Amino acid sequence: MIAVVKVAGQQFKVEKDQTLYVPHLEGKAGDKIDLEVLLADADGKLSVGSSVKTKVKAEIVDHVKGDTVIAYKQKRRKGFHKKKGHRTAYTKIKVTSIA
C-alpha cells in the first residue's frame, strides 16, 4: 500500500516501514504522529480527496540538521564582502502503519 501524505506543506510518497527526512516537527524522539493523507493506493484501488479513509501513523526517530549552506556576497574593488551560513532542521520519521 502506498500513500501520499502532507507534512509541513510538502508532499511525500510513503510506504510501510519507510524512513524519511521531513521539515522540522514538534515533538520528542519516540513520539507517535498522525499524518494527513492526500492520496491512497491499495492494490490498484485509488482514493483521492475526501474519499480517503486511510490513516498513516509515524514515529519520530530523531531531529537532525542538514548540510551547511553558505551565502557569500562580494562587490569587487569595494572591500565589501558578507558571509552567512545556515543549517536547516529536519526530523527523521519512520512510517509505522498505513491502514
N, C-alpha and C. Protein backbone atom coordinates (compact mmCIF):
# COMPACT_ATOMS: atom_id res chain seq x y z
N MET A 1 0.84 -1.17 0.00
CA MET A 1 0.00 0.00 0.00
C MET A 1 0.89 1.24 0.00
N ILE A 2 0.52 2.20 -0.81
CA ILE A 2 1.26 3.45 -0.95
C ILE A 2 0.32 4.59 -0.63
N ALA A 3 0.85 5.63 0.00
CA ALA A 3 0.06 6.82 0.31
C ALA A 3 0.90 8.07 0.06
N VAL A 4 0.21 9.14 -0.28
CA VAL A 4 0.85 10.44 -0.40
C VAL A 4 0.37 11.27 0.78
N VAL A 5 1.31 11.73 1.60
CA VAL A 5 0.96 12.48 2.80
C VAL A 5 1.50 13.91 2.71
N LYS A 6 0.88 14.79 3.49
CA LYS A 6 1.29 16.18 3.54
C LYS A 6 1.91 16.45 4.91
N VAL A 7 3.16 16.91 4.89
CA VAL A 7 3.88 17.21 6.13
C VAL A 7 4.49 18.60 5.98
N ALA A 8 4.06 19.54 6.81
CA ALA A 8 4.60 20.89 6.83
C ALA A 8 4.58 21.55 5.45
N GLY A 9 3.50 21.35 4.71
CA GLY A 9 3.35 21.99 3.41
C GLY A 9 4.02 21.26 2.25
N GLN A 10 4.67 20.13 2.51
CA GLN A 10 5.31 19.37 1.46
C GLN A 10 4.66 17.99 1.36
N GLN A 11 4.67 17.42 0.16
CA GLN A 11 4.06 16.11 -0.07
C GLN A 11 5.15 15.05 -0.19
N PHE A 12 4.87 13.89 0.41
CA PHE A 12 5.81 12.77 0.38
C PHE A 12 5.04 11.49 0.05
N LYS A 13 5.64 10.65 -0.80
CA LYS A 13 5.08 9.32 -1.10
C LYS A 13 5.69 8.35 -0.11
N VAL A 14 4.84 7.64 0.65
CA VAL A 14 5.35 6.78 1.72
C VAL A 14 4.81 5.36 1.59
N GLU A 15 5.57 4.43 2.15
CA GLU A 15 5.18 3.03 2.28
C GLU A 15 5.44 2.63 3.73
N LYS A 16 4.92 1.48 4.12
CA LYS A 16 5.11 0.99 5.48
C LYS A 16 6.60 0.71 5.73
N ASP A 17 7.06 1.00 6.94
CA ASP A 17 8.44 0.80 7.40
C ASP A 17 9.47 1.67 6.67
N GLN A 18 9.04 2.71 5.99
CA GLN A 18 9.95 3.61 5.30
C GLN A 18 10.39 4.71 6.27
N THR A 19 11.66 5.10 6.19
CA THR A 19 12.14 6.24 6.97
C THR A 19 12.42 7.38 6.01
N LEU A 20 12.10 8.60 6.44
CA LEU A 20 12.35 9.75 5.60
C LEU A 20 12.60 10.99 6.45
N TYR A 21 13.22 11.98 5.82
CA TYR A 21 13.52 13.24 6.48
C TYR A 21 12.51 14.27 6.02
N VAL A 22 11.82 14.90 6.98
CA VAL A 22 10.81 15.91 6.69
C VAL A 22 11.21 17.20 7.39
N PRO A 23 10.61 18.34 7.00
CA PRO A 23 10.91 19.58 7.73
C PRO A 23 10.60 19.41 9.22
N HIS A 24 11.27 20.18 10.04
CA HIS A 24 11.21 20.04 11.50
C HIS A 24 9.77 19.97 12.03
N LEU A 25 9.50 18.95 12.84
CA LEU A 25 8.22 18.77 13.51
C LEU A 25 8.41 18.88 15.01
N GLU A 26 7.39 19.38 15.70
CA GLU A 26 7.44 19.46 17.15
C GLU A 26 7.30 18.06 17.73
N GLY A 27 7.94 17.80 18.84
CA GLY A 27 7.86 16.50 19.49
C GLY A 27 9.23 15.95 19.80
N LYS A 28 9.24 14.93 20.63
CA LYS A 28 10.49 14.30 21.04
C LYS A 28 10.66 12.98 20.30
N ALA A 29 11.87 12.45 20.32
CA ALA A 29 12.13 11.15 19.70
C ALA A 29 11.30 10.09 20.41
N GLY A 30 10.61 9.28 19.63
CA GLY A 30 9.75 8.25 20.19
C GLY A 30 8.28 8.61 20.17
N ASP A 31 7.95 9.89 19.93
CA ASP A 31 6.55 10.31 19.87
C ASP A 31 5.89 9.76 18.62
N LYS A 32 4.60 9.46 18.73
CA LYS A 32 3.80 8.98 17.60
C LYS A 32 3.06 10.17 17.00
N ILE A 33 2.97 10.20 15.66
CA ILE A 33 2.24 11.27 14.99
C ILE A 33 1.34 10.68 13.93
N ASP A 34 0.26 11.40 13.62
CA ASP A 34 -0.64 11.03 12.53
C ASP A 34 -0.40 12.01 11.39
N LEU A 35 -0.30 11.49 10.17
CA LEU A 35 -0.02 12.33 9.01
C LEU A 35 -1.28 12.51 8.17
N GLU A 36 -1.40 13.68 7.56
CA GLU A 36 -2.55 13.98 6.70
C GLU A 36 -2.38 13.28 5.36
N VAL A 37 -3.38 12.46 4.99
CA VAL A 37 -3.30 11.66 3.77
C VAL A 37 -4.04 12.38 2.64
N LEU A 38 -3.36 12.55 1.50
CA LEU A 38 -3.95 13.18 0.33
C LEU A 38 -4.42 12.16 -0.70
N LEU A 39 -3.70 11.03 -0.79
CA LEU A 39 -3.99 10.02 -1.79
C LEU A 39 -3.57 8.67 -1.25
N ALA A 40 -4.36 7.64 -1.53
CA ALA A 40 -4.01 6.29 -1.08
C ALA A 40 -4.24 5.31 -2.21
N ASP A 41 -3.32 4.35 -2.34
CA ASP A 41 -3.42 3.32 -3.36
C ASP A 41 -3.32 1.96 -2.68
N ALA A 42 -4.43 1.24 -2.66
CA ALA A 42 -4.46 -0.09 -2.03
C ALA A 42 -4.70 -1.13 -3.11
N ASP A 43 -3.63 -1.75 -3.59
CA ASP A 43 -3.71 -2.81 -4.61
C ASP A 43 -4.48 -2.36 -5.85
N GLY A 44 -4.14 -1.18 -6.37
CA GLY A 44 -4.76 -0.68 -7.58
C GLY A 44 -6.05 0.09 -7.34
N LYS A 45 -6.52 0.12 -6.11
CA LYS A 45 -7.74 0.85 -5.78
C LYS A 45 -7.33 2.23 -5.27
N LEU A 46 -7.61 3.26 -6.04
CA LEU A 46 -7.13 4.60 -5.76
C LEU A 46 -8.22 5.42 -5.08
N SER A 47 -7.87 6.11 -4.01
CA SER A 47 -8.80 7.04 -3.36
C SER A 47 -8.11 8.38 -3.17
N VAL A 48 -8.83 9.45 -3.54
CA VAL A 48 -8.26 10.79 -3.55
C VAL A 48 -9.24 11.75 -2.88
N GLY A 49 -8.70 12.76 -2.22
CA GLY A 49 -9.52 13.83 -1.66
C GLY A 49 -10.30 13.41 -0.44
N SER A 50 -11.60 13.76 -0.42
CA SER A 50 -12.43 13.50 0.75
C SER A 50 -12.81 12.02 0.89
N SER A 51 -12.60 11.22 -0.15
CA SER A 51 -12.94 9.80 -0.09
C SER A 51 -11.85 8.95 0.57
N VAL A 52 -10.75 9.58 0.99
CA VAL A 52 -9.65 8.85 1.62
C VAL A 52 -10.01 8.52 3.06
N LYS A 53 -10.01 7.24 3.38
CA LYS A 53 -10.28 6.78 4.74
C LYS A 53 -9.02 6.21 5.40
N THR A 54 -7.91 6.27 4.70
CA THR A 54 -6.65 5.69 5.17
C THR A 54 -6.02 6.56 6.25
N LYS A 55 -5.46 5.92 7.25
CA LYS A 55 -4.74 6.59 8.32
C LYS A 55 -3.27 6.20 8.22
N VAL A 56 -2.39 7.17 8.28
CA VAL A 56 -0.95 6.92 8.26
C VAL A 56 -0.38 7.35 9.61
N LYS A 57 0.26 6.41 10.30
CA LYS A 57 0.87 6.69 11.59
C LYS A 57 2.38 6.58 11.45
N ALA A 58 3.08 7.49 12.12
CA ALA A 58 4.54 7.51 12.05
C ALA A 58 5.11 7.76 13.44
N GLU A 59 6.40 7.51 13.55
CA GLU A 59 7.10 7.71 14.81
C GLU A 59 8.31 8.59 14.56
N ILE A 60 8.53 9.57 15.44
CA ILE A 60 9.69 10.43 15.32
C ILE A 60 10.92 9.65 15.80
N VAL A 61 11.91 9.54 14.92
CA VAL A 61 13.13 8.80 15.26
C VAL A 61 14.18 9.75 15.84
N ASP A 62 14.37 10.90 15.19
CA ASP A 62 15.45 11.80 15.60
C ASP A 62 15.24 13.17 14.98
N HIS A 63 15.88 14.18 15.57
CA HIS A 63 15.94 15.51 15.00
C HIS A 63 17.38 15.73 14.53
N VAL A 64 17.54 16.14 13.28
CA VAL A 64 18.88 16.32 12.71
C VAL A 64 18.96 17.66 11.98
N LYS A 65 20.19 18.06 11.66
CA LYS A 65 20.41 19.26 10.87
C LYS A 65 20.99 18.87 9.52
N GLY A 66 20.64 19.62 8.49
CA GLY A 66 21.13 19.35 7.16
C GLY A 66 22.54 19.88 6.97
N ASP A 67 23.04 19.79 5.77
CA ASP A 67 24.37 20.29 5.45
C ASP A 67 24.40 21.81 5.54
N THR A 68 25.59 22.35 5.76
CA THR A 68 25.75 23.80 5.84
C THR A 68 25.62 24.41 4.46
N VAL A 69 24.79 25.45 4.38
CA VAL A 69 24.62 26.21 3.14
C VAL A 69 25.20 27.59 3.41
N ILE A 70 26.13 28.01 2.57
CA ILE A 70 26.80 29.29 2.77
C ILE A 70 26.36 30.27 1.68
N ALA A 71 25.93 31.47 2.12
CA ALA A 71 25.60 32.56 1.19
C ALA A 71 26.72 33.58 1.28
N TYR A 72 27.45 33.76 0.20
CA TYR A 72 28.58 34.68 0.18
C TYR A 72 28.32 35.76 -0.85
N LYS A 73 28.42 37.02 -0.42
CA LYS A 73 28.22 38.15 -1.32
C LYS A 73 29.47 39.02 -1.31
N GLN A 74 29.81 39.55 -2.47
CA GLN A 74 31.01 40.37 -2.58
C GLN A 74 30.82 41.37 -3.70
N LYS A 75 31.33 42.59 -3.49
CA LYS A 75 31.35 43.59 -4.55
C LYS A 75 32.82 43.87 -4.87
N ARG A 76 33.17 43.69 -6.10
CA ARG A 76 34.58 43.80 -6.46
C ARG A 76 35.08 45.24 -6.32
N ARG A 77 36.32 45.33 -5.93
CA ARG A 77 37.05 46.59 -5.78
C ARG A 77 36.45 47.53 -4.74
N LYS A 78 35.50 47.10 -3.93
CA LYS A 78 34.88 47.97 -2.92
C LYS A 78 35.24 47.56 -1.50
N GLY A 79 35.81 46.39 -1.33
CA GLY A 79 36.13 45.92 0.01
C GLY A 79 34.93 45.36 0.75
N PHE A 80 33.83 45.17 0.03
CA PHE A 80 32.61 44.67 0.66
C PHE A 80 32.51 43.16 0.46
N HIS A 81 32.34 42.44 1.56
CA HIS A 81 32.02 41.01 1.47
C HIS A 81 31.24 40.62 2.71
N LYS A 82 30.34 39.69 2.51
CA LYS A 82 29.47 39.23 3.59
C LYS A 82 29.31 37.72 3.45
N LYS A 83 29.50 37.02 4.54
CA LYS A 83 29.40 35.56 4.52
C LYS A 83 28.45 35.13 5.63
N LYS A 84 27.39 34.43 5.26
CA LYS A 84 26.44 33.90 6.23
C LYS A 84 26.18 32.45 5.88
N GLY A 85 25.89 31.66 6.89
CA GLY A 85 25.59 30.25 6.66
C GLY A 85 24.45 29.80 7.55
N HIS A 86 23.82 28.71 7.15
CA HIS A 86 22.76 28.15 7.99
C HIS A 86 22.66 26.65 7.74
N ARG A 87 22.04 25.97 8.69
CA ARG A 87 21.77 24.54 8.58
C ARG A 87 20.29 24.34 8.84
N THR A 88 19.58 23.76 7.90
CA THR A 88 18.15 23.55 8.02
C THR A 88 17.87 22.38 8.96
N ALA A 89 16.85 22.54 9.81
CA ALA A 89 16.48 21.50 10.76
C ALA A 89 15.50 20.53 10.11
N TYR A 90 15.77 19.24 10.26
CA TYR A 90 14.91 18.19 9.74
C TYR A 90 14.52 17.23 10.86
N THR A 91 13.45 16.50 10.64
CA THR A 91 13.03 15.46 11.57
C THR A 91 13.03 14.14 10.80
N LYS A 92 13.67 13.13 11.37
CA LYS A 92 13.69 11.81 10.76
C LYS A 92 12.51 11.03 11.33
N ILE A 93 11.61 10.55 10.45
CA ILE A 93 10.45 9.80 10.90
C ILE A 93 10.42 8.43 10.25
N LYS A 94 9.75 7.50 10.90
CA LYS A 94 9.56 6.15 10.35
C LYS A 94 8.08 5.88 10.29
N VAL A 95 7.57 5.49 9.12
CA VAL A 95 6.16 5.18 8.94
C VAL A 95 5.91 3.81 9.55
N THR A 96 5.05 3.77 10.58
CA THR A 96 4.81 2.51 11.29
C THR A 96 3.64 1.74 10.71
N SER A 97 2.60 2.45 10.26
CA SER A 97 1.45 1.73 9.70
C SER A 97 0.68 2.58 8.71
N ILE A 98 0.13 1.93 7.71
CA ILE A 98 -0.80 2.53 6.76
C ILE A 98 -2.05 1.65 6.76
N ALA A 99 -3.14 2.17 7.31
CA ALA A 99 -4.35 1.36 7.41
C ALA A 99 -5.58 2.16 7.03
